[in-house]
Amino acid sequence: MRRETELVEPGDITFLAHALVLPSTDPEDRQRHDKEVERIAVQVAWAYEEALGAQVYDVSTPEKAQLAGLDQWPGFDLLSRRPSGDQRCIEVKGRRAVGDVELKDNEWAKSANLREQYWLYVVYDCASAYPRLLRVADPFATLLVRAKGGVVIAESSVFEAAEELNP
């Protein structure tokens, strides 16, 4: 087995065909992929907050939000309580590589109401070995958006307004 690589020699090359590989259009595949990207993004955001000594609560479902003492639909994914007493209401968005992110109507409304307490954490490159966390304080005040049944935030706006962590 070890000598096999030594025995391989290049030979004539014959072109057989071109192949175009596209992502699956199966809705189940897309949903599974989206859930994995979201899981990675939340994990990165959670780890960042915990590293600062915060108590972090998942409030992304009505049941989890109520357990944390919030309304059923708080408009964000994570509640972070820092040792200083500060509280962050964090909406987490993840992307496989980079791209625009969309906040739903209730998320955007909550960012307008909570202002300095509301943070948008965008995790780019979730499909890589090194996801990048960008944090945007008070996205309602700092980001340019366009309406689309919620609001779409251009990736360039996130990069301009965010605090990026350098590994």
C-alpha atoms as a PDB file:
ATOM      1  CA  MET A   1       0.000   0.000   0.000  1.00  0.00           C
ATOM      2  CA  ARG A   2       2.705   2.480   0.920  1.00  0.00           C
ATOM      3  CA  ARG A   3       4.536   1.992  -2.384  1.00  0.00           C
ATOM      4  CA  GLU A   4       1.439   2.547  -4.528  1.00  0.00           C
ATOM      5  CA  THR A   5       2.119   6.267  -4.854  1.00  0.00           C
ATOM      6  CA  GLU A   6       5.622   5.505  -6.098  1.00  0.00           C
ATOM      7  CA  LEU A   7       4.247   3.164  -8.744  1.00  0.00           C
ATOM      8  CA  VAL A   8       1.803   5.668 -10.225  1.00  0.00           C
ATOM      9  CA  GLU A   9       3.101   7.320 -13.389  1.00  0.00           C
ATOM     10  CA  PRO A  10       1.422   9.969 -15.503  1.00  0.00           C
ATOM     11  CA  GLY A  11       0.099   8.794 -18.840  1.00  0.00           C
ATOM     12  CA  ASP A  12      -1.896  10.145 -21.760  1.00  0.00           C
ATOM     13  CA  ILE A  13      -4.873  12.288 -20.791  1.00  0.00           C
ATOM     14  CA  THR A  14      -8.203  11.807 -22.525  1.00  0.00           C
ATOM     15  CA  PHE A  15     -10.912  14.455 -22.193  1.00  0.00           C
ATOM     16  CA  LEU A  16     -14.279  12.833 -21.545  1.00  0.00           C
ATOM     17  CA  ALA A  17     -16.784  15.560 -20.685  1.00  0.00           C
ATOM     18  CA  HIS A  18     -17.553  18.864 -18.998  1.00  0.00           C
ATOM     19  CA  ALA A  19     -19.600  18.779 -15.820  1.00  0.00           C
ATOM     20  CA  LEU A  20     -21.543  21.631 -14.267  1.00  0.00           C
ATOM     21  CA  VAL A  21     -22.292  21.019 -10.602  1.00  0.00           C
ATOM     22  CA  LEU A  22     -25.181  23.036  -9.184  1.00  0.00           C
ATOM     23  CA  PRO A  23     -26.562  23.191  -5.657  1.00  0.00           C
ATOM     24  CA  SER A  24     -29.577  21.037  -4.963  1.00  0.00           C
ATOM     25  CA  THR A  25     -32.982  22.550  -5.667  1.00  0.00           C
ATOM     26  CA  ASP A  26     -34.655  20.065  -3.340  1.00  0.00           C
ATOM     27  CA  PRO A  27     -36.396  22.131  -0.618  1.00  0.00           C
ATOM     28  CA  GLU A  28     -35.453  19.548   2.035  1.00  0.00           C
ATOM     29  CA  ASP A  29     -31.758  19.822   1.114  1.00  0.00           C
ATOM     30  CA  ARG A  30     -31.917  23.618   1.250  1.00  0.00           C
ATOM     31  CA  GLN A  31     -33.695  23.584   4.611  1.00  0.00           C
ATOM     32  CA  ARG A  32     -31.148  21.140   6.058  1.00  0.00           C
ATOM     33  CA  HIS A  33     -28.295  23.323   4.757  1.00  0.00           C
ATOM     34  CA  ASP A  34     -29.902  26.519   6.117  1.00  0.00           C
ATOM     35  CA  LYS A  35     -30.371  24.922   9.532  1.00  0.00           C
ATOM     36  CA  GLU A  36     -26.702  23.888   9.662  1.00  0.00           C
ATOM     37  CA  VAL A  37     -25.540  27.408   8.736  1.00  0.00           C
ATOM     38  CA  GLU A  38     -27.884  28.852  11.375  1.00  0.00           C
ATOM     39  CA  ARG A  39     -26.606  26.369  13.988  1.00  0.00           C
ATOM     40  CA  ILE A  40     -22.996  27.347  13.295  1.00  0.00           C
ATOM     41  CA  ALA A  41     -23.816  31.069  13.418  1.00  0.00           C
ATOM     42  CA  VAL A  42     -25.613  30.758  16.759  1.00  0.00           C
ATOM     43  CA  GLN A  43     -22.765  28.651  18.141  1.00  0.00           C
ATOM     44  CA  VAL A  44     -20.201  31.319  17.159  1.00  0.00           C
ATOM     45  CA  ALA A  45     -22.294  34.146  18.653  1.00  0.00           C
ATOM     46  CA  TRP A  46     -22.958  32.169  21.840  1.00  0.00           C
ATOM     47  CA  ALA A  47     -19.260  31.322  22.287  1.00  0.00           C
ATOM     48  CA  TYR A  48     -18.300  34.985  21.855  1.00  0.00           C
ATOM     49  CA  GLU A  49     -20.737  36.114  24.541  1.00  0.00           C
ATOM     50  CA  GLU A  50     -19.773  33.327  26.955  1.00  0.00           C
ATOM     51  CA  ALA A  51     -16.090  34.187  26.512  1.00  0.00           C
ATOM     52  CA  LEU A  52     -16.951  37.624  27.924  1.00  0.00           C
ATOM     53  CA  GLY A  53     -18.534  36.012  30.975  1.00  0.00           C
ATOM     54  CA  ALA A  54     -22.138  36.530  29.882  1.00  0.00           C
ATOM     55  CA  GLN A  55     -25.067  34.302  30.739  1.00  0.00           C
ATOM     56  CA  VAL A  56     -26.586  33.446  27.350  1.00  0.00           C
ATOM     57  CA  TYR A  57     -30.143  32.273  26.762  1.00  0.00           C
ATOM     58  CA  ASP A  58     -31.612  30.874  23.557  1.00  0.00           C
ATOM     59  CA  VAL A  59     -34.923  32.711  23.050  1.00  0.00           C
ATOM     60  CA  SER A  60     -35.470  31.704  19.417  1.00  0.00           C
ATOM     61  CA  THR A  61     -38.725  29.811  20.025  1.00  0.00           C
ATOM     62  CA  PRO A  62     -41.828  30.829  21.997  1.00  0.00           C
ATOM     63  CA  GLU A  63     -41.167  28.160  24.633  1.00  0.00           C
ATOM     64  CA  LYS A  64     -37.527  29.167  25.138  1.00  0.00           C
ATOM     65  CA  ALA A  65     -38.417  32.869  25.227  1.00  0.00           C
ATOM     66  CA  GLN A  66     -41.045  32.317  27.916  1.00  0.00           C
ATOM     67  CA  LEU A  67     -38.578  30.275  30.007  1.00  0.00           C
ATOM     68  CA  ALA A  68     -36.261  33.310  29.898  1.00  0.00           C
ATOM     69  CA  GLY A  69     -39.102  35.567  31.068  1.00  0.00           C
ATOM     70  CA  LEU A  70     -39.817  37.162  27.676  1.00  0.00           C
ATOM     71  CA  ASP A  71     -42.804  37.389  25.341  1.00  0.00           C
ATOM     72  CA  GLN A  72     -43.375  34.454  22.991  1.00  0.00           C
ATOM     73  CA  TRP A  73     -41.855  36.310  20.033  1.00  0.00           C
ATOM     74  CA  PRO A  74     -39.124  38.603  21.368  1.00  0.00           C
ATOM     75  CA  GLY A  75     -37.732  39.479  17.904  1.00  0.00           C
ATOM     76  CA  PHE A  76     -34.210  38.169  18.520  1.00  0.00           C
ATOM     77  CA  ASP A  77     -32.425  34.835  19.022  1.00  0.00           C
ATOM     78  CA  LEU A  78     -30.157  35.225  22.039  1.00  0.00           C
ATOM     79  CA  LEU A  79     -30.453  37.117  25.294  1.00  0.00           C
ATOM     80  CA  SER A  80     -27.054  37.891  26.805  1.00  0.00           C
ATOM     81  CA  ARG A  81     -26.667  39.144  30.351  1.00  0.00           C
ATOM     82  CA  ARG A  82     -23.180  40.470  30.989  1.00  0.00           C
ATOM     83  CA  PRO A  83     -21.438  40.485  34.393  1.00  0.00           C
ATOM     84  CA  SER A  84     -21.603  44.314  34.297  1.00  0.00           C
ATOM     85  CA  GLY A  85     -25.402  44.124  34.280  1.00  0.00           C
ATOM     86  CA  ASP A  86     -25.652  45.095  30.611  1.00  0.00           C
ATOM     87  CA  GLN A  87     -28.113  43.117  28.555  1.00  0.00           C
ATOM     88  CA  ARG A  88     -27.883  42.429  24.829  1.00  0.00           C
ATOM     89  CA  CYS A  89     -30.761  41.277  22.683  1.00  0.00           C
ATOM     90  CA  ILE A  90     -28.983  39.558  19.805  1.00  0.00           C
ATOM     91  CA  GLU A  91     -30.399  38.630  16.418  1.00  0.00           C
ATOM     92  CA  VAL A  92     -28.076  36.118  14.742  1.00  0.00           C
ATOM     93  CA  LYS A  93     -27.793  35.694  10.976  1.00  0.00           C
ATOM     94  CA  GLY A  94     -25.462  33.266   9.276  1.00  0.00           C
ATOM     95  CA  ARG A  95     -24.272  32.957   5.706  1.00  0.00           C
ATOM     96  CA  ARG A  96     -22.422  30.114   4.034  1.00  0.00           C
ATOM     97  CA  ALA A  97     -19.975  32.645   2.540  1.00  0.00           C
ATOM     98  CA  VAL A  98     -20.997  36.323   2.442  1.00  0.00           C
ATOM     99  CA  GLY A  99     -24.163  38.040   1.310  1.00  0.00           C
ATOM    100  CA  ASP A 100     -27.089  40.208   2.269  1.00  0.00           C
ATOM    101  CA  VAL A 101     -29.071  39.382   5.390  1.00  0.00           C
ATOM    102  CA  GLU A 102     -32.779  39.833   5.987  1.00  0.00           C
ATOM    103  CA  LEU A 103     -34.476  40.890   9.191  1.00  0.00           C
ATOM    104  CA  LYS A 104     -38.144  39.989   9.473  1.00  0.00           C
ATOM    105  CA  ASP A 105     -40.689  42.684  10.304  1.00  0.00           C
ATOM    106  CA  ASN A 106     -40.835  41.764  13.999  1.00  0.00           C
ATOM    107  CA  GLU A 107     -37.017  41.718  14.250  1.00  0.00           C
ATOM    108  CA  TRP A 108     -36.721  45.152  12.637  1.00  0.00           C
ATOM    109  CA  ALA A 109     -39.509  46.550  14.840  1.00  0.00           C
ATOM    110  CA  LYS A 110     -37.793  45.194  17.953  1.00  0.00           C
ATOM    111  CA  SER A 111     -34.495  46.767  16.846  1.00  0.00           C
ATOM    112  CA  ALA A 112     -36.340  50.100  16.556  1.00  0.00           C
ATOM    113  CA  ASN A 113     -37.760  49.726  20.073  1.00  0.00           C
ATOM    114  CA  LEU A 114     -34.708  48.391  21.895  1.00  0.00           C
ATOM    115  CA  ARG A 115     -32.101  50.497  20.068  1.00  0.00           C
ATOM    116  CA  GLU A 116     -28.807  50.290  22.049  1.00  0.00           C
ATOM    117  CA  GLN A 117     -29.752  46.946  23.631  1.00  0.00           C
ATOM    118  CA  TYR A 118     -30.400  45.326  20.229  1.00  0.00           C
ATOM    119  CA  TRP A 119     -27.434  43.860  18.368  1.00  0.00           C
ATOM    120  CA  LEU A 120     -27.193  42.133  15.007  1.00  0.00           C
ATOM    121  CA  TYR A 121     -24.524  39.429  14.909  1.00  0.00           C
ATOM    122  CA  VAL A 122     -23.772  38.312  11.356  1.00  0.00           C
ATOM    123  CA  VAL A 123     -21.583  35.264  10.940  1.00  0.00           C
ATOM    124  CA  TYR A 124     -20.070  34.998   7.472  1.00  0.00           C
ATOM    125  CA  ASP A 125     -18.154  32.005   6.091  1.00  0.00           C
ATOM    126  CA  CYS A 126     -20.110  29.427   8.114  1.00  0.00           C
ATOM    127  CA  ALA A 127     -19.145  26.774   5.542  1.00  0.00           C
ATOM    128  CA  SER A 128     -15.447  27.370   6.164  1.00  0.00           C
ATOM    129  CA  ALA A 129     -13.183  26.340   9.008  1.00  0.00           C
ATOM    130  CA  TYR A 130     -13.039  29.976  10.150  1.00  0.00           C
ATOM    131  CA  PRO A 131     -16.464  31.647  10.438  1.00  0.00           C
ATOM    132  CA  ARG A 132     -16.270  35.443  10.864  1.00  0.00           C
ATOM    133  CA  LEU A 133     -18.409  37.241  13.429  1.00  0.00           C
ATOM    134  CA  LEU A 134     -19.400  40.836  12.732  1.00  0.00           C
ATOM    135  CA  ARG A 135     -21.371  42.669  15.411  1.00  0.00           C
ATOM    136  CA  VAL A 136     -23.615  45.649  14.694  1.00  0.00           C
ATOM    137  CA  ALA A 137     -24.870  47.750  17.596  1.00  0.00           C
ATOM    138  CA  ASP A 138     -28.272  49.411  17.167  1.00  0.00           C
ATOM    139  CA  PRO A 139     -28.859  48.212  13.583  1.00  0.00           C
ATOM    140  CA  PHE A 140     -31.955  50.410  13.296  1.00  0.00           C
ATOM    141  CA  ALA A 141     -29.778  53.510  13.577  1.00  0.00           C
ATOM    142  CA  THR A 142     -26.665  52.288  11.798  1.00  0.00           C
ATOM    143  CA  LEU A 143     -27.678  50.208   8.780  1.00  0.00           C
ATOM    144  CA  LEU A 144     -29.095  51.168   5.412  1.00  0.00           C
ATOM    145  CA  VAL A 145     -31.886  48.786   4.451  1.00  0.00           C
ATOM    146  CA  ARG A 146     -34.427  48.139   1.731  1.00  0.00           C
ATOM    147  CA  ALA A 147     -37.899  46.744   2.343  1.00  0.00           C
ATOM    148  CA  LYS A 148     -38.808  43.222   1.226  1.00  0.00           C
ATOM    149  CA  GLY A 149     -41.483  41.809   3.561  1.00  0.00           C
ATOM    150  CA  GLY A 150     -38.949  42.591   6.254  1.00  0.00           C
ATOM    151  CA  VAL A 151     -35.775  44.472   5.540  1.00  0.00           C
ATOM    152  CA  VAL A 152     -32.735  43.407   3.549  1.00  0.00           C
ATOM    153  CA  ILE A 153     -29.354  44.585   4.729  1.00  0.00           C
ATOM    154  CA  ALA A 154     -26.607  44.695   2.125  1.00  0.00           C
ATOM    155  CA  GLU A 155     -23.416  42.887   3.048  1.00  0.00           C
ATOM    156  CA  SER A 156     -21.513  46.154   2.447  1.00  0.00           C
ATOM    157  CA  SER A 157     -23.636  47.880   5.124  1.00  0.00           C
ATOM    158  CA  VAL A 158     -22.833  45.124   7.598  1.00  0.00           C
ATOM    159  CA  PHE A 159     -19.097  45.456   6.929  1.00  0.00           C
ATOM    160  CA  GLU A 160     -19.242  49.262   7.272  1.00  0.00           C
ATOM    161  CA  ALA A 161     -21.181  49.291  10.542  1.00  0.00           C
ATOM    162  CA  ALA A 162     -19.861  46.173  12.277  1.00  0.00           C
ATOM    163  CA  GLU A 163     -17.222  45.488  14.848  1.00  0.00           C
ATOM    164  CA  GLU A 164     -15.293  42.541  13.366  1.00  0.00           C
ATOM    165  CA  LEU A 165     -13.303  40.160  15.496  1.00  0.00           C
ATOM    166  CA  ASN A 166      -9.868  39.362  14.162  1.00  0.00           C
ATOM    167  CA  PRO A 167      -8.742  35.828  15.042  1.00  0.00           C
END
